[in-house]
Amino acid sequence: MNTEAVFENNKKWIAHKLELDPEYFSKLGQGQDPKLLYIGCSDSRVTAEDLMGLGPGEVFVHRNIANLVVGTDLNAMSVVEYSVKHLNVEHVVICGHYGCGGVKAAMQSADLGVLNPWLRNIRDVYRLHQKELDAIEDPEKQYNRLVELNVQEQCVNLIKTAVIQKAVRDHDLKVHGWVFDIKTGKLIDLKIDLDGILKYIMQIYKLD
């Protein structure tokens, strides 16, 4: 890859944006007011704004390997805190994708070095849902189902946090679990029933 081409592409992009709207960058410089926080995978094939048809200023984005929400990850927790308390987003989306390399790596019995503690979070998802997953004979379907269950568990991890609980209670913040199908381009709402999942465990996780 020739990195010089990136700067040429940038010039063309600027010219294109100004042709469409001479005030484009002036407006962009006035600040942001996103209504949605997107937590997705770092996979280079999955670009948040493009797949949702949104533009700059419309979505606050955090990406990491396999779209995890880990309570001890200060990066992710800072993004959640800032977007909810200061940007006042109305929706938080956890978006996984079929074909996720992080999920596939977690399914392998291999020492992956520094990735081990990160991928252990996905292995824990497998452990929680092992009975269901082991009953799926087709490896690809099993893999896709783990992608979906990982999204579900990250939504649960999100709702465990104090800032999210307070925003749900005070501002009716919505938490969503989605999956992006790379092979079709389709965005799928998993329609996760967080209330149903959490009603039996909120005695433990509820924070006043």
C-alpha atoms as a PDB file:
ATOM      1  CA  MET A   1       0.000   0.000   0.000  1.00  0.00           C
ATOM      2  CA  ASN A   2       1.322   3.412  -0.962  1.00  0.00           C
ATOM      3  CA  THR A   3       0.554   5.778   1.915  1.00  0.00           C
ATOM      4  CA  GLU A   4       1.075   8.794  -0.344  1.00  0.00           C
ATOM      5  CA  ALA A   5      -2.116   7.754  -2.108  1.00  0.00           C
ATOM      6  CA  VAL A   6      -3.985   8.356   1.140  1.00  0.00           C
ATOM      7  CA  PHE A   7      -3.149  12.064   1.024  1.00  0.00           C
ATOM      8  CA  GLU A   8      -4.192  12.277  -2.610  1.00  0.00           C
ATOM      9  CA  ASN A   9      -7.464  10.565  -1.702  1.00  0.00           C
ATOM     10  CA  ASN A  10      -7.883  13.081   1.096  1.00  0.00           C
ATOM     11  CA  LYS A  11      -7.571  16.005  -1.326  1.00  0.00           C
ATOM     12  CA  LYS A  12     -10.176  14.444  -3.615  1.00  0.00           C
ATOM     13  CA  TRP A  13     -12.471  13.801  -0.656  1.00  0.00           C
ATOM     14  CA  ILE A  14     -12.204  17.444   0.478  1.00  0.00           C
ATOM     15  CA  ALA A  15     -12.962  18.684  -3.013  1.00  0.00           C
ATOM     16  CA  HIS A  16     -15.939  16.360  -3.322  1.00  0.00           C
ATOM     17  CA  LYS A  17     -17.398  17.441   0.022  1.00  0.00           C
ATOM     18  CA  LEU A  18     -16.966  21.132  -0.778  1.00  0.00           C
ATOM     19  CA  GLU A  19     -18.568  20.648  -4.184  1.00  0.00           C
ATOM     20  CA  LEU A  20     -21.626  19.178  -2.503  1.00  0.00           C
ATOM     21  CA  ASP A  21     -21.674  21.730   0.311  1.00  0.00           C
ATOM     22  CA  PRO A  22     -19.248  24.698   0.483  1.00  0.00           C
ATOM     23  CA  GLU A  23     -20.002  25.005   4.215  1.00  0.00           C
ATOM     24  CA  TYR A  24     -19.390  21.315   4.985  1.00  0.00           C
ATOM     25  CA  PHE A  25     -16.231  21.720   7.057  1.00  0.00           C
ATOM     26  CA  SER A  26     -17.421  24.929   8.710  1.00  0.00           C
ATOM     27  CA  LYS A  27     -20.477  23.052   9.960  1.00  0.00           C
ATOM     28  CA  LEU A  28     -18.354  20.095  11.023  1.00  0.00           C
ATOM     29  CA  GLY A  29     -16.152  22.387  13.082  1.00  0.00           C
ATOM     30  CA  GLN A  30     -19.105  23.658  15.105  1.00  0.00           C
ATOM     31  CA  GLY A  31     -19.230  20.478  17.216  1.00  0.00           C
ATOM     32  CA  GLN A  32     -20.955  17.135  17.420  1.00  0.00           C
ATOM     33  CA  ASP A  33     -24.371  16.044  18.614  1.00  0.00           C
ATOM     34  CA  PRO A  34     -24.572  12.275  18.033  1.00  0.00           C
ATOM     35  CA  LYS A  35     -27.644  10.426  19.255  1.00  0.00           C
ATOM     36  CA  LEU A  36     -26.061   7.000  19.020  1.00  0.00           C
ATOM     37  CA  LEU A  37     -23.013   5.303  20.534  1.00  0.00           C
ATOM     38  CA  TYR A  38     -21.759   2.427  18.384  1.00  0.00           C
ATOM     39  CA  ILE A  39     -19.487  -0.197  19.928  1.00  0.00           C
ATOM     40  CA  GLY A  40     -18.216  -2.478  17.188  1.00  0.00           C
ATOM     41  CA  CYS A  41     -15.353  -4.625  16.010  1.00  0.00           C
ATOM     42  CA  SER A  42     -12.018  -3.282  14.746  1.00  0.00           C
ATOM     43  CA  ASP A  43     -12.304  -5.476  11.637  1.00  0.00           C
ATOM     44  CA  SER A  44     -11.231  -3.400   8.628  1.00  0.00           C
ATOM     45  CA  ARG A  45     -14.251  -4.590   6.612  1.00  0.00           C
ATOM     46  CA  VAL A  46     -16.805  -3.199   9.073  1.00  0.00           C
ATOM     47  CA  THR A  47     -17.083   0.590   8.951  1.00  0.00           C
ATOM     48  CA  ALA A  48     -19.661   1.916  11.377  1.00  0.00           C
ATOM     49  CA  GLU A  49     -20.988   5.000   9.591  1.00  0.00           C
ATOM     50  CA  ASP A  50     -21.105   3.380   6.161  1.00  0.00           C
ATOM     51  CA  LEU A  51     -23.139   0.331   7.155  1.00  0.00           C
ATOM     52  CA  MET A  52     -25.677   2.525   8.971  1.00  0.00           C
ATOM     53  CA  GLY A  53     -25.828   5.155   6.255  1.00  0.00           C
ATOM     54  CA  LEU A  54     -24.784   7.880   8.697  1.00  0.00           C
ATOM     55  CA  GLY A  55     -22.265  10.670   8.368  1.00  0.00           C
ATOM     56  CA  PRO A  56     -19.746  12.548  10.518  1.00  0.00           C
ATOM     57  CA  GLY A  57     -21.282  13.958  13.693  1.00  0.00           C
ATOM     58  CA  GLU A  58     -24.168  11.470  13.770  1.00  0.00           C
ATOM     59  CA  VAL A  59     -22.590   8.542  15.643  1.00  0.00           C
ATOM     60  CA  PHE A  60     -19.965   8.247  18.383  1.00  0.00           C
ATOM     61  CA  VAL A  61     -17.812   5.198  17.686  1.00  0.00           C
ATOM     62  CA  HIS A  62     -15.720   2.823  19.774  1.00  0.00           C
ATOM     63  CA  ARG A  63     -14.134  -0.244  18.199  1.00  0.00           C
ATOM     64  CA  ASN A  64     -12.064  -3.107  19.553  1.00  0.00           C
ATOM     65  CA  ILE A  65     -11.384  -6.755  18.749  1.00  0.00           C
ATOM     66  CA  ALA A  66     -14.712  -8.640  18.824  1.00  0.00           C
ATOM     67  CA  ASN A  67     -16.752  -5.642  20.097  1.00  0.00           C
ATOM     68  CA  LEU A  68     -16.233  -6.388  23.787  1.00  0.00           C
ATOM     69  CA  VAL A  69     -17.477  -4.364  26.748  1.00  0.00           C
ATOM     70  CA  VAL A  70     -15.149  -5.186  29.629  1.00  0.00           C
ATOM     71  CA  GLY A  71     -15.646  -3.404  32.935  1.00  0.00           C
ATOM     72  CA  THR A  72     -11.898  -3.122  33.569  1.00  0.00           C
ATOM     73  CA  ASP A  73     -11.196  -1.654  30.109  1.00  0.00           C
ATOM     74  CA  LEU A  74     -10.782   2.041  30.900  1.00  0.00           C
ATOM     75  CA  ASN A  75     -10.825   2.907  27.209  1.00  0.00           C
ATOM     76  CA  ALA A  76     -14.284   1.432  26.618  1.00  0.00           C
ATOM     77  CA  MET A  77     -15.636   2.618  29.966  1.00  0.00           C
ATOM     78  CA  SER A  78     -14.432   6.175  29.280  1.00  0.00           C
ATOM     79  CA  VAL A  79     -16.172   6.154  25.893  1.00  0.00           C
ATOM     80  CA  VAL A  80     -19.412   4.949  27.486  1.00  0.00           C
ATOM     81  CA  GLU A  81     -19.196   7.510  30.303  1.00  0.00           C
ATOM     82  CA  TYR A  82     -18.435  10.420  27.970  1.00  0.00           C
ATOM     83  CA  SER A  83     -21.046   9.580  25.354  1.00  0.00           C
ATOM     84  CA  VAL A  84     -23.831   8.971  27.860  1.00  0.00           C
ATOM     85  CA  LYS A  85     -23.144  11.713  30.421  1.00  0.00           C
ATOM     86  CA  HIS A  86     -21.736  14.472  28.220  1.00  0.00           C
ATOM     87  CA  LEU A  87     -22.981  13.820  24.684  1.00  0.00           C
ATOM     88  CA  ASN A  88     -26.362  12.575  25.963  1.00  0.00           C
ATOM     89  CA  VAL A  89     -26.711   9.819  23.381  1.00  0.00           C
ATOM     90  CA  GLU A  90     -30.149   8.210  23.233  1.00  0.00           C
ATOM     91  CA  HIS A  91     -29.097   4.782  21.950  1.00  0.00           C
ATOM     92  CA  VAL A  92     -26.134   2.475  22.569  1.00  0.00           C
ATOM     93  CA  VAL A  93     -25.503  -0.267  20.019  1.00  0.00           C
ATOM     94  CA  ILE A  94     -23.264  -3.291  20.408  1.00  0.00           C
ATOM     95  CA  CYS A  95     -22.646  -4.513  16.854  1.00  0.00           C
ATOM     96  CA  GLY A  96     -20.871  -7.769  16.087  1.00  0.00           C
ATOM     97  CA  HIS A  97     -20.377  -9.303  12.673  1.00  0.00           C
ATOM     98  CA  TYR A  98     -20.362 -12.733  11.104  1.00  0.00           C
ATOM     99  CA  GLY A  99     -16.872 -13.770  10.083  1.00  0.00           C
ATOM    100  CA  CYS A 100     -15.330 -12.165  13.182  1.00  0.00           C
ATOM    101  CA  GLY A 101     -11.692 -13.209  13.491  1.00  0.00           C
ATOM    102  CA  GLY A 102     -11.626 -12.525  17.221  1.00  0.00           C
ATOM    103  CA  VAL A 103     -14.545 -14.872  17.883  1.00  0.00           C
ATOM    104  CA  LYS A 104     -13.011 -17.541  15.654  1.00  0.00           C
ATOM    105  CA  ALA A 105      -9.650 -17.237  17.416  1.00  0.00           C
ATOM    106  CA  ALA A 106     -11.356 -17.628  20.790  1.00  0.00           C
ATOM    107  CA  MET A 107     -12.849 -20.942  19.628  1.00  0.00           C
ATOM    108  CA  GLN A 108      -9.392 -22.402  19.001  1.00  0.00           C
ATOM    109  CA  SER A 109      -7.274 -24.210  21.574  1.00  0.00           C
ATOM    110  CA  ALA A 110      -4.176 -22.148  20.981  1.00  0.00           C
ATOM    111  CA  ASP A 111      -1.838 -19.880  22.925  1.00  0.00           C
ATOM    112  CA  LEU A 112      -2.223 -16.465  21.302  1.00  0.00           C
ATOM    113  CA  GLY A 113       0.075 -14.562  23.609  1.00  0.00           C
ATOM    114  CA  VAL A 114      -1.070 -11.114  24.685  1.00  0.00           C
ATOM    115  CA  LEU A 115      -4.460 -11.784  23.063  1.00  0.00           C
ATOM    116  CA  ASN A 116      -5.212 -14.542  25.591  1.00  0.00           C
ATOM    117  CA  PRO A 117      -6.745 -12.395  28.361  1.00  0.00           C
ATOM    118  CA  TRP A 118      -8.817 -10.419  25.845  1.00  0.00           C
ATOM    119  CA  LEU A 119     -10.148 -13.492  24.051  1.00  0.00           C
ATOM    120  CA  ARG A 120     -10.875 -15.162  27.379  1.00  0.00           C
ATOM    121  CA  ASN A 121     -13.911 -12.895  27.577  1.00  0.00           C
ATOM    122  CA  ILE A 122     -15.312 -14.599  24.471  1.00  0.00           C
ATOM    123  CA  ARG A 123     -14.383 -18.033  25.799  1.00  0.00           C
ATOM    124  CA  ASP A 124     -16.401 -17.168  28.886  1.00  0.00           C
ATOM    125  CA  VAL A 125     -19.380 -16.458  26.617  1.00  0.00           C
ATOM    126  CA  TYR A 126     -18.933 -19.931  25.127  1.00  0.00           C
ATOM    127  CA  ARG A 127     -18.813 -21.431  28.641  1.00  0.00           C
ATOM    128  CA  LEU A 128     -22.044 -19.660  29.617  1.00  0.00           C
ATOM    129  CA  HIS A 129     -23.838 -21.008  26.535  1.00  0.00           C
ATOM    130  CA  GLN A 130     -21.920 -24.241  26.014  1.00  0.00           C
ATOM    131  CA  LYS A 131     -24.974 -26.511  26.024  1.00  0.00           C
ATOM    132  CA  GLU A 132     -26.654 -24.584  23.207  1.00  0.00           C
ATOM    133  CA  LEU A 133     -23.468 -24.169  21.178  1.00  0.00           C
ATOM    134  CA  ASP A 134     -22.323 -27.776  21.489  1.00  0.00           C
ATOM    135  CA  ALA A 135     -25.694 -28.905  20.150  1.00  0.00           C
ATOM    136  CA  ILE A 136     -25.016 -27.104  16.840  1.00  0.00           C
ATOM    137  CA  GLU A 137     -23.285 -29.555  14.513  1.00  0.00           C
ATOM    138  CA  ASP A 138     -22.534 -27.200  11.606  1.00  0.00           C
ATOM    139  CA  PRO A 139     -19.271 -25.346  12.494  1.00  0.00           C
ATOM    140  CA  GLU A 140     -20.245 -22.171  10.599  1.00  0.00           C
ATOM    141  CA  LYS A 141     -23.670 -22.013  12.246  1.00  0.00           C
ATOM    142  CA  GLN A 142     -22.057 -22.613  15.632  1.00  0.00           C
ATOM    143  CA  TYR A 143     -19.559 -19.847  14.916  1.00  0.00           C
ATOM    144  CA  ASN A 144     -22.320 -17.428  13.852  1.00  0.00           C
ATOM    145  CA  ARG A 145     -24.347 -18.241  16.931  1.00  0.00           C
ATOM    146  CA  LEU A 146     -21.373 -17.472  19.164  1.00  0.00           C
ATOM    147  CA  VAL A 147     -21.069 -14.117  17.392  1.00  0.00           C
ATOM    148  CA  GLU A 148     -24.711 -13.422  18.307  1.00  0.00           C
ATOM    149  CA  LEU A 149     -24.353 -14.636  21.891  1.00  0.00           C
ATOM    150  CA  ASN A 150     -21.226 -12.536  22.296  1.00  0.00           C
ATOM    151  CA  VAL A 151     -23.221  -9.449  21.297  1.00  0.00           C
ATOM    152  CA  GLN A 152     -25.886 -10.426  23.824  1.00  0.00           C
ATOM    153  CA  GLU A 153     -23.380 -10.822  26.659  1.00  0.00           C
ATOM    154  CA  GLN A 154     -21.710  -7.509  25.833  1.00  0.00           C
ATOM    155  CA  CYS A 155     -25.128  -5.848  26.090  1.00  0.00           C
ATOM    156  CA  VAL A 156     -25.473  -7.459  29.506  1.00  0.00           C
ATOM    157  CA  ASN A 157     -22.005  -6.202  30.481  1.00  0.00           C
ATOM    158  CA  LEU A 158     -23.033  -2.726  29.386  1.00  0.00           C
ATOM    159  CA  ILE A 159     -26.203  -2.693  31.465  1.00  0.00           C
ATOM    160  CA  LYS A 160     -24.189  -3.741  34.529  1.00  0.00           C
ATOM    161  CA  THR A 161     -22.520  -0.317  34.614  1.00  0.00           C
ATOM    162  CA  ALA A 162     -23.793   2.495  36.815  1.00  0.00           C
ATOM    163  CA  VAL A 163     -23.795   5.156  34.082  1.00  0.00           C
ATOM    164  CA  ILE A 164     -25.965   3.029  31.784  1.00  0.00           C
ATOM    165  CA  GLN A 165     -28.364   2.026  34.566  1.00  0.00           C
ATOM    166  CA  LYS A 166     -28.825   5.672  35.526  1.00  0.00           C
ATOM    167  CA  ALA A 167     -29.386   6.760  31.903  1.00  0.00           C
ATOM    168  CA  VAL A 168     -31.927   3.974  31.323  1.00  0.00           C
ATOM    169  CA  ARG A 169     -33.761   5.000  34.491  1.00  0.00           C
ATOM    170  CA  ASP A 170     -33.595   8.781  34.035  1.00  0.00           C
ATOM    171  CA  HIS A 171     -33.576   9.280  30.262  1.00  0.00           C
ATOM    172  CA  ASP A 172     -34.939   6.028  28.841  1.00  0.00           C
ATOM    173  CA  LEU A 173     -31.627   5.213  27.130  1.00  0.00           C
ATOM    174  CA  LYS A 174     -31.994   2.252  24.758  1.00  0.00           C
ATOM    175  CA  VAL A 175     -29.436  -0.564  24.452  1.00  0.00           C
ATOM    176  CA  HIS A 176     -29.414  -2.598  21.224  1.00  0.00           C
ATOM    177  CA  GLY A 177     -27.637  -5.724  20.006  1.00  0.00           C
ATOM    178  CA  TRP A 178     -26.998  -5.971  16.275  1.00  0.00           C
ATOM    179  CA  VAL A 179     -25.005  -8.166  13.897  1.00  0.00           C
ATOM    180  CA  PHE A 180     -23.618  -7.161  10.508  1.00  0.00           C
ATOM    181  CA  ASP A 181     -23.602  -9.878   7.839  1.00  0.00           C
ATOM    182  CA  ILE A 182     -20.514  -9.188   5.742  1.00  0.00           C
ATOM    183  CA  LYS A 183     -21.617 -11.564   2.970  1.00  0.00           C
ATOM    184  CA  THR A 184     -24.902  -9.745   2.340  1.00  0.00           C
ATOM    185  CA  GLY A 185     -24.314  -6.272   3.792  1.00  0.00           C
ATOM    186  CA  LYS A 186     -27.414  -6.710   5.937  1.00  0.00           C
ATOM    187  CA  LEU A 187     -27.641  -5.224   9.420  1.00  0.00           C
ATOM    188  CA  ILE A 188     -29.597  -7.532  11.744  1.00  0.00           C
ATOM    189  CA  ASP A 189     -31.346  -6.490  14.950  1.00  0.00           C
ATOM    190  CA  LEU A 190     -31.077  -9.416  17.375  1.00  0.00           C
ATOM    191  CA  LYS A 191     -33.976  -7.939  19.401  1.00  0.00           C
ATOM    192  CA  ILE A 192     -32.310  -8.950  22.635  1.00  0.00           C
ATOM    193  CA  ASP A 193     -34.728  -9.058  25.575  1.00  0.00           C
ATOM    194  CA  LEU A 194     -32.467  -7.411  28.133  1.00  0.00           C
ATOM    195  CA  ASP A 195     -35.282  -7.026  30.652  1.00  0.00           C
ATOM    196  CA  GLY A 196     -35.962 -10.737  30.477  1.00  0.00           C
ATOM    197  CA  ILE A 197     -32.292 -11.649  30.739  1.00  0.00           C
ATOM    198  CA  LEU A 198     -31.567  -9.280  33.586  1.00  0.00           C
ATOM    199  CA  LYS A 199     -34.638  -9.577  35.801  1.00  0.00           C
ATOM    200  CA  TYR A 200     -33.192 -12.552  37.654  1.00  0.00           C
ATOM    201  CA  ILE A 201     -29.738 -11.059  38.174  1.00  0.00           C
ATOM    202  CA  MET A 202     -30.417  -7.353  38.769  1.00  0.00           C
ATOM    203  CA  GLN A 203     -30.531  -8.002  42.502  1.00  0.00           C
ATOM    204  CA  ILE A 204     -26.781  -8.516  42.147  1.00  0.00           C
ATOM    205  CA  TYR A 205     -25.960  -5.891  39.515  1.00  0.00           C
ATOM    206  CA  LYS A 206     -28.383  -3.077  40.331  1.00  0.00           C
ATOM    207  CA  LEU A 207     -26.538   0.068  41.412  1.00  0.00           C
ATOM    208  CA  ASP A 208     -28.492   2.847  43.130  1.00  0.00           C
END
